[in-house]
Amino acid sequence: MRAKVLGLMLVMGLAAAGCIAEPLDQSPLNTYPPTSSIPLAAPTTLTPLPPTSSDDTIDVITLAKDRPFAGRFRYDVYGPDSAVEAPVLILVHDLAGVAEIADLAITLAEQRIVIVPHYDGPIRGGRFPDPLSVTACALATAADSDVYGGDPTNVTVLGVGFGALAGFIVAHTAALYLPSECEFTEMTSPDRLVAVGGTWSPDALANDSFDAMATFMGGTPQQVPATWALLDPNQYVEPLNVELTLLRGAQDLDASVTDTFAELLLAEGRQVVVGIIAEHTSRSALTGAQTKIASYLP
């Protein structure tokens, strides 16, 4: 069973590393697979918030830690010291757990209010649609500007791995997944979605050897096909009428899935940016790509 769980985390912890026949030359940020017609976007230049400390650095403060959230869940909130109406970012972690994105949350909070909802993955006994429930409640929390001083008209959902799929689903159906226990009931729609990994082939996610994943989803694809169908990113091409940024590794095994999804979005006239942040978007590579991820955010 342990071997199966480890295999699950390799797939679900953001696109496991792979190989391609010919390596990309120079920096991953300046190259793109020649088979794709999608233009590769360079990261933007940030306009920092005014420094708030004497040494000209931005101090990140913890505004909430392990606060009860939507009944049985919890969440954290970070932000720049003394920021007024800063942009709001909802950072949704993958199935590996919230600890994997703790450093990323602090980095991103230098420029914005960062809400980090917690949910349990398969190993800790979590159940679908927990990731959707916490994302929806976080959107409701972001809608109330009095809570943490963030700007409710400037909200980004950044999903990592399975958290990216949660963002796709909740972006246009948030009210369906808002838990009755959520403290806030007024919903806001995100202005943009940023997916770090998370555009996998549903077949990879549905590998029957991963017993823990079937338990998490409430059954196998044959037993609960409608639930598993929610995990296919291509079905959100039409409903996703928000700015969308897809960040991946240059040599991710699922790179073609990400690119196909982007091409479908472009064909429908959707706004989409594709960026390469590392050779692979494994969890270890994610730690070194924090600044690059931040550079794709407004």
C-alpha atoms as a PDB file:
ATOM      1  CA  MET A   1       0.000   0.000   0.000  1.00  0.00           C
ATOM      2  CA  ARG A   2       2.860   2.366   0.818  1.00  0.00           C
ATOM      3  CA  ALA A   3       4.272   1.867  -2.659  1.00  0.00           C
ATOM      4  CA  LYS A   4       0.889   2.734  -4.144  1.00  0.00           C
ATOM      5  CA  VAL A   5       0.624   5.894  -2.073  1.00  0.00           C
ATOM      6  CA  LEU A   6       4.105   6.986  -3.066  1.00  0.00           C
ATOM      7  CA  GLY A   7       3.169   6.390  -6.689  1.00  0.00           C
ATOM      8  CA  LEU A   8       0.078   8.529  -6.207  1.00  0.00           C
ATOM      9  CA  MET A   9       2.066  11.433  -4.837  1.00  0.00           C
ATOM     10  CA  LEU A  10       4.429  11.276  -7.822  1.00  0.00           C
ATOM     11  CA  VAL A  11       1.483  11.765 -10.163  1.00  0.00           C
ATOM     12  CA  MET A  12      -0.555  14.165  -8.058  1.00  0.00           C
ATOM     13  CA  GLY A  13       2.257  16.281  -6.637  1.00  0.00           C
ATOM     14  CA  LEU A  14       2.326  18.353  -9.815  1.00  0.00           C
ATOM     15  CA  ALA A  15       3.386  16.434 -12.952  1.00  0.00           C
ATOM     16  CA  ALA A  16       6.236  14.057 -12.312  1.00  0.00           C
ATOM     17  CA  ALA A  17       9.496  14.585 -14.166  1.00  0.00           C
ATOM     18  CA  GLY A  18      10.005  13.037 -17.605  1.00  0.00           C
ATOM     19  CA  CYS A  19      12.335  13.089 -20.602  1.00  0.00           C
ATOM     20  CA  ILE A  20      12.022  14.283 -24.177  1.00  0.00           C
ATOM     21  CA  ALA A  21      14.036  13.254 -27.167  1.00  0.00           C
ATOM     22  CA  GLU A  22      15.810  16.557 -27.733  1.00  0.00           C
ATOM     23  CA  PRO A  23      16.412  18.958 -24.848  1.00  0.00           C
ATOM     24  CA  LEU A  24      15.232  22.533 -25.074  1.00  0.00           C
ATOM     25  CA  ASP A  25      18.118  24.920 -25.549  1.00  0.00           C
ATOM     26  CA  GLN A  26      18.979  27.856 -23.295  1.00  0.00           C
ATOM     27  CA  SER A  27      16.576  29.081 -20.619  1.00  0.00           C
ATOM     28  CA  PRO A  28      13.193  27.338 -20.292  1.00  0.00           C
ATOM     29  CA  LEU A  29      11.607  30.780 -20.131  1.00  0.00           C
ATOM     30  CA  ASN A  30      12.808  31.631 -23.621  1.00  0.00           C
ATOM     31  CA  THR A  31      12.038  28.422 -25.458  1.00  0.00           C
ATOM     32  CA  TYR A  32       8.961  26.431 -26.305  1.00  0.00           C
ATOM     33  CA  PRO A  33       8.305  23.052 -27.907  1.00  0.00           C
ATOM     34  CA  PRO A  34       8.344  23.596 -31.688  1.00  0.00           C
ATOM     35  CA  THR A  35       5.190  21.495 -32.132  1.00  0.00           C
ATOM     36  CA  SER A  36       3.074  24.081 -30.332  1.00  0.00           C
ATOM     37  CA  SER A  37       1.601  27.247 -31.810  1.00  0.00           C
ATOM     38  CA  ILE A  38       1.124  28.889 -28.424  1.00  0.00           C
ATOM     39  CA  PRO A  39       3.387  31.894 -27.824  1.00  0.00           C
ATOM     40  CA  LEU A  40       5.428  31.570 -24.652  1.00  0.00           C
ATOM     41  CA  ALA A  41       4.912  34.531 -22.360  1.00  0.00           C
ATOM     42  CA  ALA A  42       7.733  36.094 -20.422  1.00  0.00           C
ATOM     43  CA  PRO A  43       7.084  36.955 -16.777  1.00  0.00           C
ATOM     44  CA  THR A  44       5.868  40.434 -16.018  1.00  0.00           C
ATOM     45  CA  THR A  45       7.779  43.101 -14.141  1.00  0.00           C
ATOM     46  CA  LEU A  46       6.299  43.639 -10.705  1.00  0.00           C
ATOM     47  CA  THR A  47       5.564  47.062  -9.285  1.00  0.00           C
ATOM     48  CA  PRO A  48       6.360  46.544  -5.595  1.00  0.00           C
ATOM     49  CA  LEU A  49       4.211  47.926  -2.818  1.00  0.00           C
ATOM     50  CA  PRO A  50       5.860  50.765  -0.864  1.00  0.00           C
ATOM     51  CA  PRO A  51       8.352  49.373   1.660  1.00  0.00           C
ATOM     52  CA  THR A  52       7.086  49.325   5.194  1.00  0.00           C
ATOM     53  CA  SER A  53      10.252  48.826   7.214  1.00  0.00           C
ATOM     54  CA  SER A  54      13.374  50.869   7.814  1.00  0.00           C
ATOM     55  CA  ASP A  55      15.597  48.508   5.832  1.00  0.00           C
ATOM     56  CA  ASP A  56      13.536  48.998   2.626  1.00  0.00           C
ATOM     57  CA  THR A  57      12.093  45.502   2.637  1.00  0.00           C
ATOM     58  CA  ILE A  58       8.476  44.430   2.735  1.00  0.00           C
ATOM     59  CA  ASP A  59       7.570  42.655   5.957  1.00  0.00           C
ATOM     60  CA  VAL A  60       5.130  39.768   5.619  1.00  0.00           C
ATOM     61  CA  ILE A  61       2.849  39.300   8.606  1.00  0.00           C
ATOM     62  CA  THR A  62       0.548  36.440   9.577  1.00  0.00           C
ATOM     63  CA  LEU A  63      -3.017  37.699   9.692  1.00  0.00           C
ATOM     64  CA  ALA A  64      -4.557  34.334  10.592  1.00  0.00           C
ATOM     65  CA  LYS A  65      -3.140  30.899  11.389  1.00  0.00           C
ATOM     66  CA  ASP A  66      -5.112  27.647  11.510  1.00  0.00           C
ATOM     67  CA  ARG A  67      -8.327  29.595  11.813  1.00  0.00           C
ATOM     68  CA  PRO A  68     -11.500  27.441  11.797  1.00  0.00           C
ATOM     69  CA  PHE A  69     -12.988  27.548   8.343  1.00  0.00           C
ATOM     70  CA  ALA A  70     -16.181  26.167   6.810  1.00  0.00           C
ATOM     71  CA  GLY A  71     -16.800  23.808   9.694  1.00  0.00           C
ATOM     72  CA  ARG A  72     -14.056  21.180   9.829  1.00  0.00           C
ATOM     73  CA  PHE A  73     -11.451  22.994   7.723  1.00  0.00           C
ATOM     74  CA  ARG A  74      -8.841  25.618   8.580  1.00  0.00           C
ATOM     75  CA  TYR A  75      -7.004  28.378   6.756  1.00  0.00           C
ATOM     76  CA  ASP A  76      -4.081  30.803   6.996  1.00  0.00           C
ATOM     77  CA  VAL A  77      -3.799  34.393   5.785  1.00  0.00           C
ATOM     78  CA  TYR A  78      -0.574  36.304   5.095  1.00  0.00           C
ATOM     79  CA  GLY A  79       0.029  39.789   3.793  1.00  0.00           C
ATOM     80  CA  PRO A  80       2.424  42.751   3.593  1.00  0.00           C
ATOM     81  CA  ASP A  81       2.590  44.851   6.730  1.00  0.00           C
ATOM     82  CA  SER A  82       0.315  47.921   6.563  1.00  0.00           C
ATOM     83  CA  ALA A  83      -0.931  47.156   3.047  1.00  0.00           C
ATOM     84  CA  VAL A  84      -4.264  48.791   2.177  1.00  0.00           C
ATOM     85  CA  GLU A  85      -6.546  47.151  -0.407  1.00  0.00           C
ATOM     86  CA  ALA A  86      -3.791  44.885  -1.696  1.00  0.00           C
ATOM     87  CA  PRO A  87      -4.706  42.313  -4.364  1.00  0.00           C
ATOM     88  CA  VAL A  88      -6.079  39.050  -2.980  1.00  0.00           C
ATOM     89  CA  LEU A  89      -4.637  35.673  -3.908  1.00  0.00           C
ATOM     90  CA  ILE A  90      -6.209  32.354  -2.926  1.00  0.00           C
ATOM     91  CA  LEU A  91      -3.465  29.728  -2.892  1.00  0.00           C
ATOM     92  CA  VAL A  92      -4.880  26.197  -3.158  1.00  0.00           C
ATOM     93  CA  HIS A  93      -2.394  23.430  -2.437  1.00  0.00           C
ATOM     94  CA  ASP A  94      -2.184  20.012  -4.059  1.00  0.00           C
ATOM     95  CA  LEU A  95      -2.940  16.625  -2.526  1.00  0.00           C
ATOM     96  CA  ALA A  96       0.431  16.488  -0.766  1.00  0.00           C
ATOM     97  CA  GLY A  97      -0.738  19.023   1.816  1.00  0.00           C
ATOM     98  CA  VAL A  98      -0.430  22.647   2.802  1.00  0.00           C
ATOM     99  CA  ALA A  99       3.147  22.331   4.095  1.00  0.00           C
ATOM    100  CA  GLU A 100       4.408  21.954   0.518  1.00  0.00           C
ATOM    101  CA  ILE A 101       3.416  25.537  -0.391  1.00  0.00           C
ATOM    102  CA  ALA A 102       4.221  27.322   2.892  1.00  0.00           C
ATOM    103  CA  ASP A 103       7.310  29.088   1.522  1.00  0.00           C
ATOM    104  CA  LEU A 104       5.505  30.010  -1.707  1.00  0.00           C
ATOM    105  CA  ALA A 105       2.707  31.618   0.335  1.00  0.00           C
ATOM    106  CA  ILE A 106       5.180  33.852   2.168  1.00  0.00           C
ATOM    107  CA  THR A 107       6.895  34.890  -1.074  1.00  0.00           C
ATOM    108  CA  LEU A 108       3.605  35.799  -2.733  1.00  0.00           C
ATOM    109  CA  ALA A 109       2.400  37.669   0.362  1.00  0.00           C
ATOM    110  CA  GLU A 110       5.064  40.322  -0.132  1.00  0.00           C
ATOM    111  CA  GLN A 111       2.789  41.864  -2.767  1.00  0.00           C
ATOM    112  CA  ARG A 112      -0.737  40.740  -1.848  1.00  0.00           C
ATOM    113  CA  ILE A 113      -3.097  39.256   0.715  1.00  0.00           C
ATOM    114  CA  VAL A 114      -2.716  35.478   0.473  1.00  0.00           C
ATOM    115  CA  ILE A 115      -5.493  33.190   1.732  1.00  0.00           C
ATOM    116  CA  VAL A 116      -4.379  29.562   2.107  1.00  0.00           C
ATOM    117  CA  PRO A 117      -7.256  27.127   2.734  1.00  0.00           C
ATOM    118  CA  HIS A 118      -6.358  23.683   4.098  1.00  0.00           C
ATOM    119  CA  TYR A 119      -7.821  20.343   3.068  1.00  0.00           C
ATOM    120  CA  ASP A 120      -6.640  16.760   3.483  1.00  0.00           C
ATOM    121  CA  GLY A 121      -5.492  14.634   0.565  1.00  0.00           C
ATOM    122  CA  PRO A 122      -5.938  10.863   0.165  1.00  0.00           C
ATOM    123  CA  ILE A 123      -3.170   9.906   2.589  1.00  0.00           C
ATOM    124  CA  ARG A 124      -4.769  11.876   5.435  1.00  0.00           C
ATOM    125  CA  GLY A 125      -8.254  10.576   4.765  1.00  0.00           C
ATOM    126  CA  GLY A 126      -9.617  13.542   2.819  1.00  0.00           C
ATOM    127  CA  ARG A 127     -12.543  13.212   0.453  1.00  0.00           C
ATOM    128  CA  PHE A 128     -13.613  14.912  -2.757  1.00  0.00           C
ATOM    129  CA  PRO A 129     -15.027  17.585  -3.074  1.00  0.00           C
ATOM    130  CA  ASP A 130     -13.088  18.985  -0.075  1.00  0.00           C
ATOM    131  CA  PRO A 131     -10.696  20.965  -2.344  1.00  0.00           C
ATOM    132  CA  LEU A 132     -13.696  22.590  -4.022  1.00  0.00           C
ATOM    133  CA  SER A 133     -15.397  23.397  -0.721  1.00  0.00           C
ATOM    134  CA  VAL A 134     -12.394  25.221   0.738  1.00  0.00           C
ATOM    135  CA  THR A 135     -11.759  27.109  -2.513  1.00  0.00           C
ATOM    136  CA  ALA A 136     -15.380  28.279  -2.666  1.00  0.00           C
ATOM    137  CA  CYS A 137     -15.319  29.403   0.971  1.00  0.00           C
ATOM    138  CA  ALA A 138     -12.038  31.233   0.373  1.00  0.00           C
ATOM    139  CA  LEU A 139     -13.687  33.113  -2.509  1.00  0.00           C
ATOM    140  CA  ALA A 140     -16.529  34.085  -0.191  1.00  0.00           C
ATOM    141  CA  THR A 141     -13.991  35.255   2.385  1.00  0.00           C
ATOM    142  CA  ALA A 142     -12.185  37.325  -0.254  1.00  0.00           C
ATOM    143  CA  ALA A 143     -15.467  39.019  -1.152  1.00  0.00           C
ATOM    144  CA  ASP A 144     -15.562  40.732   2.252  1.00  0.00           C
ATOM    145  CA  SER A 145     -13.002  43.566   2.171  1.00  0.00           C
ATOM    146  CA  ASP A 146     -13.450  44.185   5.895  1.00  0.00           C
ATOM    147  CA  VAL A 147     -11.932  40.845   6.864  1.00  0.00           C
ATOM    148  CA  TYR A 148      -8.276  41.340   5.955  1.00  0.00           C
ATOM    149  CA  GLY A 149      -8.211  44.555   3.976  1.00  0.00           C
ATOM    150  CA  GLY A 150      -7.795  42.952   0.569  1.00  0.00           C
ATOM    151  CA  ASP A 151      -9.309  44.295  -2.632  1.00  0.00           C
ATOM    152  CA  PRO A 152     -12.365  42.124  -3.473  1.00  0.00           C
ATOM    153  CA  THR A 153     -12.315  43.421  -7.047  1.00  0.00           C
ATOM    154  CA  ASN A 154      -8.829  42.022  -7.672  1.00  0.00           C
ATOM    155  CA  VAL A 155      -8.885  38.313  -6.804  1.00  0.00           C
ATOM    156  CA  THR A 156      -6.634  35.586  -8.222  1.00  0.00           C
ATOM    157  CA  VAL A 157      -6.921  31.859  -7.593  1.00  0.00           C
ATOM    158  CA  LEU A 158      -3.547  30.129  -7.857  1.00  0.00           C
ATOM    159  CA  GLY A 159      -3.900  26.370  -7.764  1.00  0.00           C
ATOM    160  CA  VAL A 160      -0.998  23.970  -7.424  1.00  0.00           C
ATOM    161  CA  GLY A 161      -1.547  20.473  -8.797  1.00  0.00           C
ATOM    162  CA  PHE A 162      -4.998  19.268  -7.764  1.00  0.00           C
ATOM    163  CA  GLY A 163      -5.601  22.785  -6.448  1.00  0.00           C
ATOM    164  CA  ALA A 164      -5.499  23.992 -10.053  1.00  0.00           C
ATOM    165  CA  LEU A 165      -8.337  21.636 -10.951  1.00  0.00           C
ATOM    166  CA  ALA A 166     -10.270  22.971  -7.957  1.00  0.00           C
ATOM    167  CA  GLY A 167      -9.796  26.462  -9.362  1.00  0.00           C
ATOM    168  CA  PHE A 168     -11.088  25.450 -12.809  1.00  0.00           C
ATOM    169  CA  ILE A 169     -14.211  23.900 -11.325  1.00  0.00           C
ATOM    170  CA  VAL A 170     -15.020  26.531  -8.706  1.00  0.00           C
ATOM    171  CA  ALA A 171     -14.330  29.540 -10.950  1.00  0.00           C
ATOM    172  CA  HIS A 172     -17.711  29.191 -12.620  1.00  0.00           C
ATOM    173  CA  THR A 173     -19.660  26.998 -10.148  1.00  0.00           C
ATOM    174  CA  ALA A 174     -18.544  28.363  -6.781  1.00  0.00           C
ATOM    175  CA  ALA A 175     -22.033  28.575  -5.287  1.00  0.00           C
ATOM    176  CA  LEU A 176     -22.562  24.844  -5.887  1.00  0.00           C
ATOM    177  CA  TYR A 177     -19.665  23.955  -3.613  1.00  0.00           C
ATOM    178  CA  LEU A 178     -19.959  26.650  -0.923  1.00  0.00           C
ATOM    179  CA  PRO A 179     -20.301  24.770   2.386  1.00  0.00           C
ATOM    180  CA  SER A 180     -23.240  25.734   4.576  1.00  0.00           C
ATOM    181  CA  GLU A 181     -20.744  26.149   7.435  1.00  0.00           C
ATOM    182  CA  CYS A 182     -18.820  28.894   5.599  1.00  0.00           C
ATOM    183  CA  GLU A 183     -18.772  32.099   7.635  1.00  0.00           C
ATOM    184  CA  PHE A 184     -19.383  34.199   4.533  1.00  0.00           C
ATOM    185  CA  THR A 185     -22.105  33.669   1.957  1.00  0.00           C
ATOM    186  CA  GLU A 186     -21.582  36.473  -0.583  1.00  0.00           C
ATOM    187  CA  MET A 187     -19.624  35.056  -3.495  1.00  0.00           C
ATOM    188  CA  THR A 188     -17.058  36.723  -5.698  1.00  0.00           C
ATOM    189  CA  SER A 189     -15.728  35.389  -8.985  1.00  0.00           C
ATOM    190  CA  PRO A 190     -11.961  35.339  -9.490  1.00  0.00           C
ATOM    191  CA  ASP A 191     -10.547  37.792 -11.998  1.00  0.00           C
ATOM    192  CA  ARG A 192      -7.906  35.299 -13.046  1.00  0.00           C
ATOM    193  CA  LEU A 193      -6.756  31.723 -12.568  1.00  0.00           C
ATOM    194  CA  VAL A 194      -3.153  30.581 -12.402  1.00  0.00           C
ATOM    195  CA  ALA A 195      -2.526  26.836 -12.685  1.00  0.00           C
ATOM    196  CA  VAL A 196       0.855  25.436 -11.646  1.00  0.00           C
ATOM    197  CA  GLY A 197       0.619  21.962 -13.111  1.00  0.00           C
ATOM    198  CA  GLY A 198      -2.831  20.512 -12.641  1.00  0.00           C
ATOM    199  CA  THR A 199      -3.709  19.922 -16.303  1.00  0.00           C
ATOM    200  CA  TRP A 200      -3.186  16.172 -16.339  1.00  0.00           C
ATOM    201  CA  SER A 201      -4.698  13.469 -18.445  1.00  0.00           C
ATOM    202  CA  PRO A 202      -7.726  12.091 -16.564  1.00  0.00           C
ATOM    203  CA  ASP A 203      -6.464   8.610 -17.450  1.00  0.00           C
ATOM    204  CA  ALA A 204      -3.329   9.244 -15.402  1.00  0.00           C
ATOM    205  CA  LEU A 205      -5.384  10.335 -12.404  1.00  0.00           C
ATOM    206  CA  ALA A 206      -7.694   7.345 -12.728  1.00  0.00           C
ATOM    207  CA  ASN A 207      -4.956   4.711 -12.578  1.00  0.00           C
ATOM    208  CA  ASP A 208      -6.700   1.853 -10.816  1.00  0.00           C
ATOM    209  CA  SER A 209      -3.507   0.904  -8.986  1.00  0.00           C
ATOM    210  CA  PHE A 210      -3.929   3.976  -6.807  1.00  0.00           C
ATOM    211  CA  ASP A 211      -6.413   2.683  -4.255  1.00  0.00           C
ATOM    212  CA  ALA A 212      -6.094   5.848  -2.175  1.00  0.00           C
ATOM    213  CA  MET A 213      -7.198   8.012  -5.100  1.00  0.00           C
ATOM    214  CA  ALA A 214     -10.304   5.920  -5.686  1.00  0.00           C
ATOM    215  CA  THR A 215     -11.155   6.264  -1.996  1.00  0.00           C
ATOM    216  CA  PHE A 216     -10.600  10.017  -2.182  1.00  0.00           C
ATOM    217  CA  MET A 217     -12.930  10.328  -5.182  1.00  0.00           C
ATOM    218  CA  GLY A 218     -15.609   8.104  -3.661  1.00  0.00           C
ATOM    219  CA  GLY A 219     -15.043   5.240  -6.082  1.00  0.00           C
ATOM    220  CA  THR A 220     -13.325   4.237  -9.301  1.00  0.00           C
ATOM    221  CA  PRO A 221     -14.067   5.956 -12.641  1.00  0.00           C
ATOM    222  CA  GLN A 222     -16.370   3.049 -13.460  1.00  0.00           C
ATOM    223  CA  GLN A 223     -18.264   3.440 -10.182  1.00  0.00           C
ATOM    224  CA  VAL A 224     -18.604   7.244 -10.139  1.00  0.00           C
ATOM    225  CA  PRO A 225     -17.965   8.406 -13.731  1.00  0.00           C
ATOM    226  CA  ALA A 226     -19.646  11.803 -13.264  1.00  0.00           C
ATOM    227  CA  THR A 227     -17.312  12.676 -10.377  1.00  0.00           C
ATOM    228  CA  TRP A 228     -14.197  11.677 -12.287  1.00  0.00           C
ATOM    229  CA  ALA A 229     -15.419  13.603 -15.343  1.00  0.00           C
ATOM    230  CA  LEU A 230     -15.034  16.820 -13.343  1.00  0.00           C
ATOM    231  CA  LEU A 231     -11.254  16.347 -13.475  1.00  0.00           C
ATOM    232  CA  ASP A 232     -10.981  16.742 -17.257  1.00  0.00           C
ATOM    233  CA  PRO A 233      -9.717  20.322 -17.783  1.00  0.00           C
ATOM    234  CA  ASN A 234     -10.871  20.411 -21.409  1.00  0.00           C
ATOM    235  CA  GLN A 235     -14.519  20.628 -20.381  1.00  0.00           C
ATOM    236  CA  TYR A 236     -13.856  24.034 -18.804  1.00  0.00           C
ATOM    237  CA  VAL A 237     -12.739  25.666 -22.052  1.00  0.00           C
ATOM    238  CA  GLU A 238     -16.123  27.273 -22.657  1.00  0.00           C
ATOM    239  CA  PRO A 239     -17.117  28.230 -19.076  1.00  0.00           C
ATOM    240  CA  LEU A 240     -13.721  29.668 -18.114  1.00  0.00           C
ATOM    241  CA  ASN A 241     -14.281  33.292 -19.053  1.00  0.00           C
ATOM    242  CA  VAL A 242     -11.433  34.662 -16.914  1.00  0.00           C
ATOM    243  CA  GLU A 243      -7.770  35.423 -17.484  1.00  0.00           C
ATOM    244  CA  LEU A 244      -5.891  32.130 -17.338  1.00  0.00           C
ATOM    245  CA  THR A 245      -2.185  31.440 -16.871  1.00  0.00           C
ATOM    246  CA  LEU A 246      -0.814  27.916 -17.213  1.00  0.00           C
ATOM    247  CA  LEU A 247       2.631  27.371 -15.692  1.00  0.00           C
ATOM    248  CA  ARG A 248       4.489  24.122 -16.301  1.00  0.00           C
ATOM    249  CA  GLY A 249       7.895  22.520 -16.488  1.00  0.00           C
ATOM    250  CA  ALA A 250       9.815  22.398 -19.761  1.00  0.00           C
ATOM    251  CA  GLN A 251      10.019  18.609 -19.587  1.00  0.00           C
ATOM    252  CA  ASP A 252       6.864  17.666 -17.682  1.00  0.00           C
ATOM    253  CA  LEU A 253       5.354  14.381 -18.779  1.00  0.00           C
ATOM    254  CA  ASP A 254       1.966  16.089 -19.057  1.00  0.00           C
ATOM    255  CA  ALA A 255       3.251  19.078 -21.047  1.00  0.00           C
ATOM    256  CA  SER A 256       1.243  18.096 -24.122  1.00  0.00           C
ATOM    257  CA  VAL A 257      -1.963  18.040 -22.043  1.00  0.00           C
ATOM    258  CA  THR A 258      -1.277  21.580 -20.838  1.00  0.00           C
ATOM    259  CA  ASP A 259      -0.529  22.779 -24.377  1.00  0.00           C
ATOM    260  CA  THR A 260      -3.628  21.149 -25.857  1.00  0.00           C
ATOM    261  CA  PHE A 261      -5.764  22.772 -23.171  1.00  0.00           C
ATOM    262  CA  ALA A 262      -4.201  26.162 -23.986  1.00  0.00           C
ATOM    263  CA  GLU A 263      -4.765  25.700 -27.716  1.00  0.00           C
ATOM    264  CA  LEU A 264      -8.445  24.894 -27.103  1.00  0.00           C
ATOM    265  CA  LEU A 265      -8.784  28.032 -24.975  1.00  0.00           C
ATOM    266  CA  LEU A 266      -7.156  30.192 -27.654  1.00  0.00           C
ATOM    267  CA  ALA A 267      -9.420  28.719 -30.323  1.00  0.00           C
ATOM    268  CA  GLU A 268     -12.414  29.841 -28.239  1.00  0.00           C
ATOM    269  CA  GLY A 269     -11.025  33.353 -27.934  1.00  0.00           C
ATOM    270  CA  ARG A 270     -10.100  32.973 -24.272  1.00  0.00           C
ATOM    271  CA  GLN A 271      -7.269  34.885 -22.654  1.00  0.00           C
ATOM    272  CA  VAL A 272      -4.483  32.442 -21.840  1.00  0.00           C
ATOM    273  CA  VAL A 273      -0.790  32.705 -21.038  1.00  0.00           C
ATOM    274  CA  VAL A 274       1.578  29.734 -20.966  1.00  0.00           C
ATOM    275  CA  GLY A 275       4.818  30.016 -19.039  1.00  0.00           C
ATOM    276  CA  ILE A 276       7.637  27.621 -18.204  1.00  0.00           C
ATOM    277  CA  ILE A 277       8.944  28.027 -14.661  1.00  0.00           C
ATOM    278  CA  ALA A 278      11.398  25.124 -14.336  1.00  0.00           C
ATOM    279  CA  GLU A 279      12.585  21.957 -16.035  1.00  0.00           C
ATOM    280  CA  HIS A 280       9.970  20.046 -14.064  1.00  0.00           C
ATOM    281  CA  THR A 281       7.124  21.154 -11.801  1.00  0.00           C
ATOM    282  CA  SER A 282       7.794  18.564  -9.147  1.00  0.00           C
ATOM    283  CA  ARG A 283       7.460  19.708  -5.542  1.00  0.00           C
ATOM    284  CA  SER A 284      11.225  20.037  -5.137  1.00  0.00           C
ATOM    285  CA  ALA A 285      11.463  22.227  -8.250  1.00  0.00           C
ATOM    286  CA  LEU A 286       8.543  24.309  -7.042  1.00  0.00           C
ATOM    287  CA  THR A 287      10.599  25.495  -4.083  1.00  0.00           C
ATOM    288  CA  GLY A 288      13.169  27.040  -6.411  1.00  0.00           C
ATOM    289  CA  ALA A 289      10.592  28.593  -8.727  1.00  0.00           C
ATOM    290  CA  GLN A 290       8.806  30.862  -6.254  1.00  0.00           C
ATOM    291  CA  THR A 291      10.093  34.102  -7.737  1.00  0.00           C
ATOM    292  CA  LYS A 292       9.225  32.993 -11.286  1.00  0.00           C
ATOM    293  CA  ILE A 293       5.696  32.083 -10.210  1.00  0.00           C
ATOM    294  CA  ALA A 294       5.308  35.485  -8.536  1.00  0.00           C
ATOM    295  CA  SER A 295       6.450  37.214 -11.719  1.00  0.00           C
ATOM    296  CA  TYR A 296       3.404  35.902 -13.601  1.00  0.00           C
ATOM    297  CA  LEU A 297       1.006  37.493 -11.106  1.00  0.00           C
ATOM    298  CA  PRO A 298      -0.375  41.044 -11.276  1.00  0.00           C
END
